[in-house]
């Protein structure tokens, strides 16, 4: 006579001792394949070579990334140095104007020449001025300081420029500070 606990134990031992259909390889299970020591050594050697290759690839990529960063930094510094090199001549002209003796008109002419030199430098590098009175107000290019009636100027038009704006290519460096004309309040209320 078997007790229920003993029967369960015997069934479990039989299940372990007898391979199941899945493990026998008939139904897609894993079957034990004999592997020779030479094949194991070859696989280990290939694994080692692949690992070494991966480590070299990672090192090459890291070196490439560092080189690109360094080149980008050098290019940015060179671009700044080029602009500063061109500005040094303008500073020399300012110093000459400050050291010059004479009347106010000659000083004004010297400062005018320096102004033309600076604006020419900016234009040569693609910087354009945003300051057109009479153009329609563009919130991308203009910053409205005042909206007030302006006789003879259509509504939504730049009536006055307080400070010029500048663009570089498609980038806005600084918006123009402007006065924008609006409809005349007196005309709107005068008909009633």
N, C-alpha and C. Protein backbone atom coordinates (compact mmCIF):
# COMPACT_ATOMS: atom_id res chain seq x y z
N UNK A 1 0.83 -1.16 0.00
CA UNK A 1 0.00 0.00 0.00
C UNK A 1 0.89 1.25 0.00
N UNK A 2 0.64 2.11 -0.96
CA UNK A 2 1.40 3.36 -1.09
C UNK A 2 0.60 4.51 -0.52
N UNK A 3 1.29 5.34 0.18
CA UNK A 3 0.67 6.57 0.67
C UNK A 3 0.66 7.60 -0.45
N UNK A 4 -0.26 8.59 -0.41
CA UNK A 4 -0.35 9.55 -1.52
C UNK A 4 0.94 10.35 -1.71
N UNK A 5 1.67 10.69 -0.66
CA UNK A 5 2.91 11.46 -0.79
C UNK A 5 3.97 10.63 -1.47
N UNK A 6 4.04 9.32 -1.15
CA UNK A 6 5.02 8.44 -1.78
C UNK A 6 4.72 8.26 -3.26
N UNK A 7 3.47 8.17 -3.62
CA UNK A 7 3.07 8.01 -5.02
C UNK A 7 3.47 9.23 -5.82
N UNK A 8 3.28 10.40 -5.29
CA UNK A 8 3.63 11.64 -5.99
C UNK A 8 5.13 11.72 -6.21
N UNK A 9 5.91 11.29 -5.19
CA UNK A 9 7.37 11.29 -5.31
C UNK A 9 7.83 10.33 -6.40
N UNK A 10 7.26 9.17 -6.45
CA UNK A 10 7.65 8.18 -7.45
C UNK A 10 7.33 8.67 -8.86
N UNK A 11 6.18 9.35 -9.01
CA UNK A 11 5.80 9.88 -10.33
C UNK A 11 6.79 10.96 -10.77
N UNK A 12 7.24 11.78 -9.85
CA UNK A 12 8.19 12.85 -10.17
C UNK A 12 9.53 12.27 -10.56
N UNK A 13 9.99 11.21 -9.89
CA UNK A 13 11.27 10.58 -10.22
C UNK A 13 11.19 9.95 -11.60
N UNK A 14 10.08 9.30 -11.93
CA UNK A 14 9.92 8.70 -13.25
C UNK A 14 9.93 9.77 -14.33
N UNK A 15 9.32 10.92 -14.08
CA UNK A 15 9.28 12.00 -15.08
C UNK A 15 10.67 12.53 -15.35
N UNK A 16 11.52 12.61 -14.36
CA UNK A 16 12.88 13.11 -14.54
C UNK A 16 13.73 12.08 -15.26
N UNK A 17 13.54 10.80 -14.93
CA UNK A 17 14.36 9.75 -15.53
C UNK A 17 14.01 9.52 -17.00
N UNK A 18 12.75 9.72 -17.38
CA UNK A 18 12.37 9.48 -18.75
C UNK A 18 12.34 10.81 -19.51
N UNK A 19 13.03 10.92 -20.62
CA UNK A 19 13.03 12.17 -21.39
C UNK A 19 11.65 12.42 -21.99
N UNK A 20 11.25 13.66 -22.00
CA UNK A 20 9.95 14.00 -22.57
C UNK A 20 10.07 14.06 -24.07
N UNK A 21 8.94 14.17 -24.76
CA UNK A 21 8.94 14.23 -26.21
C UNK A 21 9.61 15.51 -26.70
N UNK A 22 9.46 16.63 -25.97
CA UNK A 22 10.05 17.91 -26.38
C UNK A 22 11.57 17.84 -26.31
N UNK A 23 12.12 17.20 -25.32
CA UNK A 23 13.56 17.15 -25.14
C UNK A 23 14.22 16.11 -26.03
N UNK A 24 13.42 15.19 -26.63
CA UNK A 24 14.01 14.13 -27.42
C UNK A 24 14.48 14.60 -28.78
N UNK A 25 14.11 15.80 -29.19
CA UNK A 25 14.54 16.32 -30.48
C UNK A 25 13.53 16.05 -31.57
N UNK A 26 12.51 15.25 -31.29
CA UNK A 26 11.53 14.94 -32.31
C UNK A 26 10.62 16.13 -32.60
N UNK A 27 10.32 16.92 -31.62
CA UNK A 27 9.38 18.02 -31.75
C UNK A 27 10.09 19.38 -31.68
N UNK A 28 11.27 19.54 -32.20
CA UNK A 28 11.94 20.83 -32.21
C UNK A 28 12.68 21.15 -30.94
N UNK A 29 12.79 20.20 -30.02
CA UNK A 29 13.52 20.44 -28.78
C UNK A 29 15.00 20.39 -29.03
N UNK A 30 15.77 20.62 -28.04
CA UNK A 30 17.22 20.60 -28.15
C UNK A 30 17.74 19.19 -28.03
N UNK A 31 18.55 18.83 -28.95
CA UNK A 31 19.18 17.51 -28.90
C UNK A 31 20.65 17.72 -28.61
N UNK A 32 21.20 16.84 -27.89
CA UNK A 32 22.61 16.96 -27.54
C UNK A 32 23.44 16.57 -28.75
N UNK A 33 24.33 17.50 -29.16
CA UNK A 33 25.18 17.27 -30.32
C UNK A 33 26.60 17.13 -29.81
N UNK A 34 27.27 16.09 -30.19
CA UNK A 34 28.66 15.95 -29.73
C UNK A 34 29.55 16.99 -30.41
N UNK A 35 30.40 17.65 -29.62
CA UNK A 35 31.30 18.68 -30.12
C UNK A 35 32.71 18.26 -29.76
N UNK A 36 33.56 18.32 -30.76
CA UNK A 36 34.95 17.93 -30.51
C UNK A 36 35.70 19.07 -29.84
N UNK A 37 36.78 18.76 -29.11
CA UNK A 37 37.58 19.80 -28.47
C UNK A 37 38.18 20.79 -29.49
N UNK A 38 38.48 20.32 -30.70
CA UNK A 38 39.01 21.23 -31.73
C UNK A 38 37.97 22.27 -32.12
N UNK A 39 36.69 21.86 -32.22
CA UNK A 39 35.63 22.80 -32.57
C UNK A 39 35.43 23.82 -31.45
N UNK A 40 35.50 23.37 -30.20
CA UNK A 40 35.37 24.29 -29.06
C UNK A 40 36.49 25.31 -29.10
N UNK A 41 37.73 24.85 -29.35
CA UNK A 41 38.86 25.77 -29.42
C UNK A 41 38.69 26.77 -30.57
N UNK A 42 38.20 26.28 -31.71
CA UNK A 42 37.98 27.16 -32.87
C UNK A 42 36.93 28.21 -32.54
N UNK A 43 35.84 27.80 -31.89
CA UNK A 43 34.78 28.75 -31.51
C UNK A 43 35.29 29.77 -30.49
N UNK A 44 36.09 29.30 -29.54
CA UNK A 44 36.66 30.23 -28.56
C UNK A 44 37.59 31.22 -29.25
N UNK A 45 38.38 30.75 -30.17
CA UNK A 45 39.30 31.62 -30.91
C UNK A 45 38.52 32.66 -31.71
N UNK A 46 37.46 32.23 -32.39
CA UNK A 46 36.64 33.15 -33.17
C UNK A 46 35.98 34.19 -32.26
N UNK A 47 35.48 33.74 -31.12
CA UNK A 47 34.85 34.65 -30.14
C UNK A 47 35.87 35.68 -29.67
N UNK A 48 37.07 35.25 -29.40
CA UNK A 48 38.13 36.16 -28.95
C UNK A 48 38.47 37.18 -30.03
N UNK A 49 38.55 36.71 -31.29
CA UNK A 49 38.84 37.63 -32.39
C UNK A 49 37.74 38.66 -32.56
N UNK A 50 36.49 38.21 -32.47
CA UNK A 50 35.35 39.14 -32.59
C UNK A 50 35.35 40.15 -31.45
N UNK A 51 35.65 39.71 -30.25
CA UNK A 51 35.71 40.61 -29.10
C UNK A 51 36.81 41.67 -29.31
N UNK A 52 38.00 41.21 -29.78
CA UNK A 52 39.09 42.15 -30.06
C UNK A 52 38.70 43.15 -31.14
N UNK A 53 38.02 42.66 -32.18
CA UNK A 53 37.57 43.54 -33.25
C UNK A 53 36.59 44.59 -32.72
N UNK A 54 35.67 44.16 -31.89
CA UNK A 54 34.69 45.08 -31.30
C UNK A 54 35.38 46.14 -30.44
N UNK A 55 36.34 45.73 -29.64
CA UNK A 55 37.08 46.68 -28.79
C UNK A 55 37.81 47.70 -29.66
N UNK A 56 38.42 47.24 -30.76
CA UNK A 56 39.12 48.16 -31.67
C UNK A 56 38.14 49.11 -32.34
N UNK A 57 36.98 48.60 -32.74
CA UNK A 57 35.97 49.46 -33.37
C UNK A 57 35.49 50.54 -32.40
N UNK A 58 35.25 50.17 -31.17
CA UNK A 58 34.84 51.15 -30.15
C UNK A 58 35.91 52.20 -29.95
N UNK A 59 37.17 51.79 -29.88
CA UNK A 59 38.28 52.73 -29.69
C UNK A 59 38.39 53.65 -30.90
N UNK A 60 38.26 53.09 -32.11
CA UNK A 60 38.32 53.92 -33.32
C UNK A 60 37.20 54.95 -33.33
N UNK A 61 35.99 54.53 -32.95
CA UNK A 61 34.86 55.47 -32.93
C UNK A 61 35.09 56.56 -31.89
N UNK A 62 35.57 56.20 -30.73
CA UNK A 62 35.83 57.19 -29.67
C UNK A 62 36.89 58.19 -30.13
N UNK A 63 37.95 57.70 -30.78
CA UNK A 63 38.98 58.60 -31.32
C UNK A 63 38.40 59.51 -32.39
N UNK A 64 37.54 58.96 -33.26
CA UNK A 64 36.89 59.77 -34.29
C UNK A 64 36.02 60.86 -33.67
N UNK A 65 35.24 60.50 -32.66
CA UNK A 65 34.37 61.48 -31.99
C UNK A 65 35.20 62.61 -31.38
N UNK A 66 36.29 62.25 -30.71
CA UNK A 66 37.16 63.28 -30.11
C UNK A 66 37.78 64.17 -31.19
N UNK A 67 38.21 63.57 -32.29
CA UNK A 67 38.82 64.34 -33.37
C UNK A 67 37.81 65.31 -33.98
N UNK A 68 36.57 64.86 -34.18
CA UNK A 68 35.53 65.73 -34.74
C UNK A 68 35.25 66.89 -33.79
N UNK A 69 35.15 66.61 -32.49
CA UNK A 69 34.95 67.68 -31.51
C UNK A 69 36.09 68.69 -31.54
N UNK A 70 37.32 68.19 -31.58
CA UNK A 70 38.49 69.07 -31.62
C UNK A 70 38.50 69.91 -32.91
N UNK A 71 38.19 69.28 -34.05
CA UNK A 71 38.16 70.01 -35.32
C UNK A 71 37.06 71.07 -35.33
N UNK A 72 35.92 70.74 -34.74
CA UNK A 72 34.82 71.71 -34.67
C UNK A 72 35.23 72.91 -33.81
N UNK A 73 35.88 72.63 -32.70
CA UNK A 73 36.34 73.71 -31.82
C UNK A 73 37.38 74.58 -32.52
N UNK A 74 38.32 73.95 -33.22
CA UNK A 74 39.36 74.69 -33.94
C UNK A 74 38.73 75.55 -35.04
N UNK A 75 37.75 75.00 -35.77
CA UNK A 75 37.09 75.76 -36.84
C UNK A 75 36.35 76.96 -36.27
N UNK A 76 35.67 76.79 -35.14
CA UNK A 76 34.95 77.91 -34.52
C UNK A 76 35.94 78.98 -34.06
N UNK A 77 37.04 78.56 -33.46
CA UNK A 77 38.05 79.52 -33.01
C UNK A 77 38.66 80.26 -34.20
N UNK A 78 38.91 79.55 -35.30
CA UNK A 78 39.48 80.18 -36.49
C UNK A 78 38.51 81.19 -37.10
N UNK A 79 37.22 80.87 -37.10
CA UNK A 79 36.22 81.81 -37.62
C UNK A 79 36.18 83.07 -36.77
N UNK A 80 36.21 82.90 -35.45
CA UNK A 80 36.24 84.08 -34.56
C UNK A 80 37.51 84.89 -34.78
N UNK A 81 38.64 84.22 -34.89
CA UNK A 81 39.91 84.91 -35.09
C UNK A 81 39.89 85.71 -36.39
N UNK A 82 39.26 85.16 -37.42
CA UNK A 82 39.16 85.86 -38.71
C UNK A 82 38.37 87.16 -38.57
N UNK A 83 37.25 87.11 -37.87
CA UNK A 83 36.43 88.31 -37.66
C UNK A 83 37.19 89.31 -36.79
N UNK A 84 37.82 88.84 -35.72
CA UNK A 84 38.58 89.74 -34.85
C UNK A 84 39.73 90.38 -35.60
N UNK A 85 40.38 89.62 -36.48
CA UNK A 85 41.48 90.14 -37.28
C UNK A 85 41.01 91.33 -38.12
N UNK A 86 39.81 91.22 -38.68
CA UNK A 86 39.26 92.31 -39.48
C UNK A 86 38.84 93.50 -38.62
N UNK A 87 38.42 93.26 -37.38
CA UNK A 87 38.00 94.35 -36.49
C UNK A 87 39.18 95.14 -35.94
N UNK A 88 40.34 94.53 -35.87
CA UNK A 88 41.52 95.21 -35.31
C UNK A 88 41.83 96.47 -36.11
N UNK A 89 41.70 96.43 -37.43
CA UNK A 89 41.93 97.62 -38.26
C UNK A 89 40.95 98.74 -37.92
N UNK A 90 39.73 98.39 -37.63
CA UNK A 90 38.73 99.40 -37.26
C UNK A 90 39.07 100.02 -35.91
N UNK A 91 39.56 99.23 -34.99
CA UNK A 91 39.97 99.77 -33.69
C UNK A 91 41.13 100.75 -33.88
N UNK A 92 42.07 100.41 -34.77
CA UNK A 92 43.16 101.34 -35.08
C UNK A 92 42.62 102.67 -35.58
N UNK A 93 41.62 102.62 -36.46
CA UNK A 93 41.03 103.85 -37.00
C UNK A 93 40.33 104.66 -35.90
N UNK A 94 39.66 103.98 -34.96
CA UNK A 94 39.05 104.69 -33.83
C UNK A 94 40.12 105.39 -33.00
N UNK A 95 41.22 104.71 -32.75
CA UNK A 95 42.31 105.31 -31.97
C UNK A 95 42.89 106.51 -32.69
N UNK A 96 43.05 106.43 -34.01
CA UNK A 96 43.54 107.58 -34.78
C UNK A 96 42.57 108.75 -34.68
N UNK A 97 41.27 108.45 -34.77
CA UNK A 97 40.27 109.52 -34.69
C UNK A 97 40.29 110.16 -33.32
N UNK A 98 40.45 109.38 -32.26
CA UNK A 98 40.48 109.94 -30.91
C UNK A 98 41.74 110.77 -30.68
N UNK A 99 42.84 110.40 -31.31
CA UNK A 99 44.10 111.11 -31.12
C UNK A 99 44.21 112.35 -32.02
N UNK A 100 43.38 112.43 -33.04
CA UNK A 100 43.47 113.54 -33.99
C UNK A 100 43.02 114.84 -33.35
N UNK A 101 43.74 115.87 -33.72
CA UNK A 101 43.35 117.20 -33.25
C UNK A 101 42.72 117.93 -34.40
N UNK A 102 41.82 118.77 -34.11
CA UNK A 102 41.16 119.52 -35.16
C UNK A 102 39.73 119.83 -34.77
N UNK A 103 39.00 120.28 -35.77
CA UNK A 103 37.63 120.69 -35.48
C UNK A 103 36.69 119.48 -35.45
N UNK A 104 35.48 119.76 -35.07
CA UNK A 104 34.47 118.70 -34.91
C UNK A 104 34.11 118.07 -36.25
N UNK A 105 34.18 118.86 -37.32
CA UNK A 105 33.82 118.34 -38.63
C UNK A 105 34.78 117.25 -39.09
N UNK A 106 36.06 117.44 -38.87
CA UNK A 106 37.04 116.43 -39.25
C UNK A 106 36.84 115.15 -38.43
N UNK A 107 36.54 115.32 -37.15
CA UNK A 107 36.26 114.16 -36.29
C UNK A 107 35.03 113.42 -36.80
N UNK A 108 34.01 114.17 -37.17
CA UNK A 108 32.77 113.57 -37.70
C UNK A 108 33.07 112.79 -38.98
N UNK A 109 33.88 113.32 -39.85
CA UNK A 109 34.23 112.63 -41.09
C UNK A 109 34.99 111.33 -40.79
N UNK A 110 35.89 111.39 -39.84
CA UNK A 110 36.65 110.19 -39.46
C UNK A 110 35.75 109.11 -38.91
N UNK A 111 34.82 109.50 -38.05
CA UNK A 111 33.88 108.53 -37.48
C UNK A 111 32.96 107.99 -38.58
N UNK A 112 32.60 108.82 -39.54
CA UNK A 112 31.79 108.37 -40.68
C UNK A 112 32.53 107.31 -41.50
N UNK A 113 33.83 107.51 -41.70
CA UNK A 113 34.63 106.52 -42.43
C UNK A 113 34.69 105.19 -41.66
N UNK A 114 34.85 105.28 -40.36
CA UNK A 114 34.89 104.07 -39.53
C UNK A 114 33.54 103.34 -39.59
N UNK A 115 32.46 104.11 -39.55
CA UNK A 115 31.12 103.52 -39.64
C UNK A 115 30.96 102.77 -40.96
N UNK A 116 31.37 103.39 -42.06
CA UNK A 116 31.28 102.72 -43.37
C UNK A 116 32.14 101.46 -43.40
N UNK A 117 33.31 101.53 -42.77
CA UNK A 117 34.20 100.36 -42.72
C UNK A 117 33.53 99.20 -41.97
N UNK A 118 32.93 99.51 -40.83
CA UNK A 118 32.26 98.46 -40.05
C UNK A 118 31.04 97.89 -40.78
N UNK A 119 30.21 98.74 -41.36
CA UNK A 119 29.04 98.22 -42.08
C UNK A 119 29.47 97.41 -43.29
N UNK A 120 30.55 97.83 -43.96
CA UNK A 120 31.07 97.04 -45.08
C UNK A 120 31.56 95.68 -44.63
N UNK A 121 32.21 95.63 -43.47
CA UNK A 121 32.68 94.36 -42.91
C UNK A 121 31.50 93.44 -42.62
N UNK A 122 30.45 93.98 -42.02
CA UNK A 122 29.27 93.17 -41.72
C UNK A 122 28.60 92.66 -43.00
N UNK A 123 28.47 93.54 -43.98
CA UNK A 123 27.84 93.14 -45.24
C UNK A 123 28.67 92.06 -45.95
N UNK A 124 29.99 92.18 -45.88
CA UNK A 124 30.86 91.20 -46.52
C UNK A 124 30.68 89.81 -45.92
N UNK A 125 30.26 89.76 -44.67
CA UNK A 125 30.05 88.47 -44.00
C UNK A 125 28.59 88.04 -44.01
N UNK A 126 27.73 88.75 -44.76
CA UNK A 126 26.34 88.34 -44.92
C UNK A 126 25.39 88.89 -43.89
N UNK A 127 25.80 89.90 -43.13
CA UNK A 127 24.91 90.52 -42.15
C UNK A 127 24.15 91.64 -42.87
N UNK A 128 22.83 91.64 -42.74
CA UNK A 128 22.01 92.68 -43.37
C UNK A 128 21.27 93.47 -42.30
N UNK A 129 20.94 94.71 -42.65
CA UNK A 129 20.29 95.63 -41.72
C UNK A 129 18.78 95.57 -41.93
N UNK A 130 18.04 95.57 -40.82
CA UNK A 130 16.58 95.62 -40.84
C UNK A 130 16.19 96.98 -40.28
N UNK A 131 15.86 97.93 -41.18
CA UNK A 131 15.52 99.27 -40.70
C UNK A 131 14.62 100.05 -41.65
N UNK A 132 13.89 99.37 -42.50
CA UNK A 132 13.13 100.06 -43.53
C UNK A 132 11.85 100.69 -42.99
N UNK A 133 11.84 102.02 -42.97
CA UNK A 133 10.63 102.75 -42.64
C UNK A 133 9.70 102.61 -43.84
N UNK A 134 8.43 102.36 -43.57
CA UNK A 134 7.46 102.20 -44.65
C UNK A 134 7.19 100.75 -44.99
N UNK A 135 7.98 99.84 -44.48
CA UNK A 135 7.70 98.42 -44.73
C UNK A 135 6.61 97.95 -43.77
N UNK A 136 5.96 96.86 -44.13
CA UNK A 136 4.91 96.37 -43.23
C UNK A 136 5.56 95.72 -42.01
N UNK A 137 4.88 95.83 -40.88
CA UNK A 137 5.40 95.31 -39.62
C UNK A 137 5.47 93.79 -39.70
N UNK A 138 6.64 93.24 -39.35
CA UNK A 138 6.86 91.79 -39.32
C UNK A 138 7.33 91.43 -37.91
N UNK A 139 6.51 90.74 -37.13
CA UNK A 139 6.90 90.42 -35.75
C UNK A 139 8.15 89.56 -35.63
N UNK A 140 8.56 88.93 -36.72
CA UNK A 140 9.79 88.14 -36.69
C UNK A 140 11.01 89.06 -36.74
N UNK A 141 10.91 90.15 -37.52
CA UNK A 141 12.05 91.05 -37.71
C UNK A 141 11.98 92.31 -36.86
N UNK A 142 10.78 92.67 -36.40
CA UNK A 142 10.59 93.92 -35.68
C UNK A 142 10.06 93.67 -34.27
N UNK A 143 10.41 94.57 -33.37
CA UNK A 143 9.83 94.58 -32.04
C UNK A 143 9.14 95.93 -31.90
N UNK A 144 7.83 95.89 -31.76
CA UNK A 144 7.06 97.12 -31.69
C UNK A 144 7.15 97.72 -30.29
N UNK A 145 7.65 98.95 -30.21
CA UNK A 145 7.69 99.65 -28.94
C UNK A 145 6.44 100.51 -28.76
N UNK A 146 5.94 101.04 -29.87
CA UNK A 146 4.80 101.96 -29.81
C UNK A 146 3.86 101.64 -30.96
N UNK A 147 2.55 101.65 -30.68
CA UNK A 147 1.50 101.59 -31.69
C UNK A 147 0.73 102.89 -31.55
N UNK A 148 0.86 103.78 -32.52
CA UNK A 148 0.13 105.04 -32.44
C UNK A 148 -0.17 105.54 -33.84
N UNK A 149 -1.17 106.39 -33.93
CA UNK A 149 -1.52 106.93 -35.25
C UNK A 149 -0.35 107.71 -35.84
N UNK A 150 -0.15 107.57 -37.14
CA UNK A 150 0.88 108.30 -37.86
C UNK A 150 0.25 108.82 -39.14
N UNK A 151 0.10 110.14 -39.25
CA UNK A 151 -0.55 110.71 -40.44
C UNK A 151 0.20 110.33 -41.72
N UNK A 152 -0.56 109.90 -42.72
CA UNK A 152 0.02 109.56 -44.01
C UNK A 152 0.67 108.19 -44.07
N UNK A 153 0.57 107.41 -43.00
CA UNK A 153 1.18 106.08 -42.99
C UNK A 153 0.07 105.05 -42.78
N UNK A 154 0.06 104.02 -43.61
CA UNK A 154 -0.97 103.00 -43.53
C UNK A 154 -0.85 102.20 -42.22
N UNK A 155 -1.99 101.71 -41.76
CA UNK A 155 -2.00 100.91 -40.53
C UNK A 155 -1.17 99.65 -40.71
N UNK A 156 -0.39 99.27 -39.67
CA UNK A 156 0.44 98.08 -39.71
C UNK A 156 1.77 98.30 -40.41
N UNK A 157 2.10 99.55 -40.65
CA UNK A 157 3.35 99.89 -41.34
C UNK A 157 4.34 100.47 -40.33
N UNK A 158 5.62 100.21 -40.55
CA UNK A 158 6.67 100.77 -39.69
C UNK A 158 6.75 102.27 -39.98
N UNK A 159 6.45 103.08 -38.96
CA UNK A 159 6.45 104.53 -39.13
C UNK A 159 7.80 105.13 -38.74
N UNK A 160 8.51 104.48 -37.80
CA UNK A 160 9.80 105.01 -37.35
C UNK A 160 10.63 103.85 -36.79
N UNK A 161 11.94 103.93 -37.02
CA UNK A 161 12.86 102.92 -36.49
C UNK A 161 13.68 103.56 -35.39
N UNK A 162 13.59 103.01 -34.16
CA UNK A 162 14.35 103.54 -33.04
C UNK A 162 15.75 102.91 -32.95
N UNK A 163 15.83 101.64 -33.32
CA UNK A 163 17.12 100.93 -33.32
C UNK A 163 17.08 99.90 -34.44
N UNK A 164 18.12 99.90 -35.25
CA UNK A 164 18.19 98.97 -36.37
C UNK A 164 18.29 97.52 -35.88
N UNK A 165 17.76 96.66 -36.70
CA UNK A 165 17.89 95.23 -36.45
C UNK A 165 18.88 94.64 -37.44
N UNK A 166 19.33 93.41 -37.17
CA UNK A 166 20.31 92.77 -38.04
C UNK A 166 19.97 91.30 -38.21
N UNK A 167 20.19 90.80 -39.43
CA UNK A 167 20.03 89.38 -39.71
C UNK A 167 21.33 88.85 -40.28
N UNK A 168 21.57 87.57 -40.05
CA UNK A 168 22.73 86.88 -40.61
C UNK A 168 22.21 85.63 -41.29
N UNK A 169 22.17 85.67 -42.62
CA UNK A 169 21.55 84.57 -43.35
C UNK A 169 20.07 84.53 -43.00
N UNK A 170 19.61 83.40 -42.51
CA UNK A 170 18.21 83.29 -42.10
C UNK A 170 18.03 83.44 -40.59
N UNK A 171 19.09 83.87 -39.89
CA UNK A 171 19.02 84.05 -38.43
C UNK A 171 18.84 85.53 -38.10
N UNK A 172 18.01 85.78 -37.13
CA UNK A 172 17.83 87.13 -36.62
C UNK A 172 18.84 87.36 -35.51
N UNK A 173 19.74 88.32 -35.72
CA UNK A 173 20.72 88.65 -34.68
C UNK A 173 20.10 89.56 -33.63
N UNK A 174 19.33 90.53 -34.11
CA UNK A 174 18.67 91.48 -33.21
C UNK A 174 17.48 92.08 -33.94
N UNK A 175 16.29 92.10 -33.31
CA UNK A 175 15.13 92.70 -33.98
C UNK A 175 15.24 94.23 -33.98
N UNK A 176 14.63 94.84 -34.97
CA UNK A 176 14.58 96.30 -35.03
C UNK A 176 13.51 96.79 -34.06
N UNK A 177 13.83 97.83 -33.30
CA UNK A 177 12.84 98.44 -32.41
C UNK A 177 12.12 99.52 -33.21
N UNK A 178 10.80 99.41 -33.34
CA UNK A 178 10.06 100.28 -34.26
C UNK A 178 8.80 100.85 -33.64
N UNK A 179 8.32 101.89 -34.31
CA UNK A 179 7.00 102.46 -34.03
C UNK A 179 6.11 102.01 -35.17
N UNK A 180 4.95 101.44 -34.83
CA UNK A 180 4.03 100.91 -35.83
C UNK A 180 2.81 101.81 -35.90
N UNK A 181 2.42 102.17 -37.12
CA UNK A 181 1.24 103.02 -37.31
C UNK A 181 -0.01 102.20 -37.07
N UNK A 182 -0.96 102.83 -36.40
CA UNK A 182 -2.26 102.17 -36.23
C UNK A 182 -3.33 103.11 -36.75
N UNK A 183 -4.55 102.59 -36.86
CA UNK A 183 -5.66 103.39 -37.37
C UNK A 183 -5.87 104.63 -36.53
N UNK A 184 -6.27 105.70 -37.15
CA UNK A 184 -6.49 106.98 -36.46
C UNK A 184 -7.75 106.87 -35.62
N UNK A 185 -7.61 107.01 -34.28
CA UNK A 185 -8.78 106.92 -33.37
C UNK A 185 -9.80 108.00 -33.64
N UNK A 186 -9.34 109.19 -34.03
CA UNK A 186 -10.26 110.31 -34.29
C UNK A 186 -11.13 110.01 -35.48
N UNK A 187 -10.56 109.37 -36.54
CA UNK A 187 -11.35 109.06 -37.73
C UNK A 187 -12.41 108.02 -37.43
N UNK A 188 -12.09 107.05 -36.57
CA UNK A 188 -13.05 106.00 -36.25
C UNK A 188 -14.24 106.54 -35.49
N UNK A 189 -14.04 107.46 -34.57
CA UNK A 189 -15.11 107.97 -33.73
C UNK A 189 -15.76 109.22 -34.28
N UNK A 190 -15.20 109.85 -35.32
CA UNK A 190 -15.72 111.12 -35.82
C UNK A 190 -16.99 110.99 -36.61
N UNK A 191 -17.32 109.82 -37.18
CA UNK A 191 -18.51 109.65 -38.01
C UNK A 191 -19.76 109.52 -37.17
N UNK A 192 -19.66 109.16 -35.93
CA UNK A 192 -20.84 108.90 -35.13
C UNK A 192 -21.38 110.14 -34.50
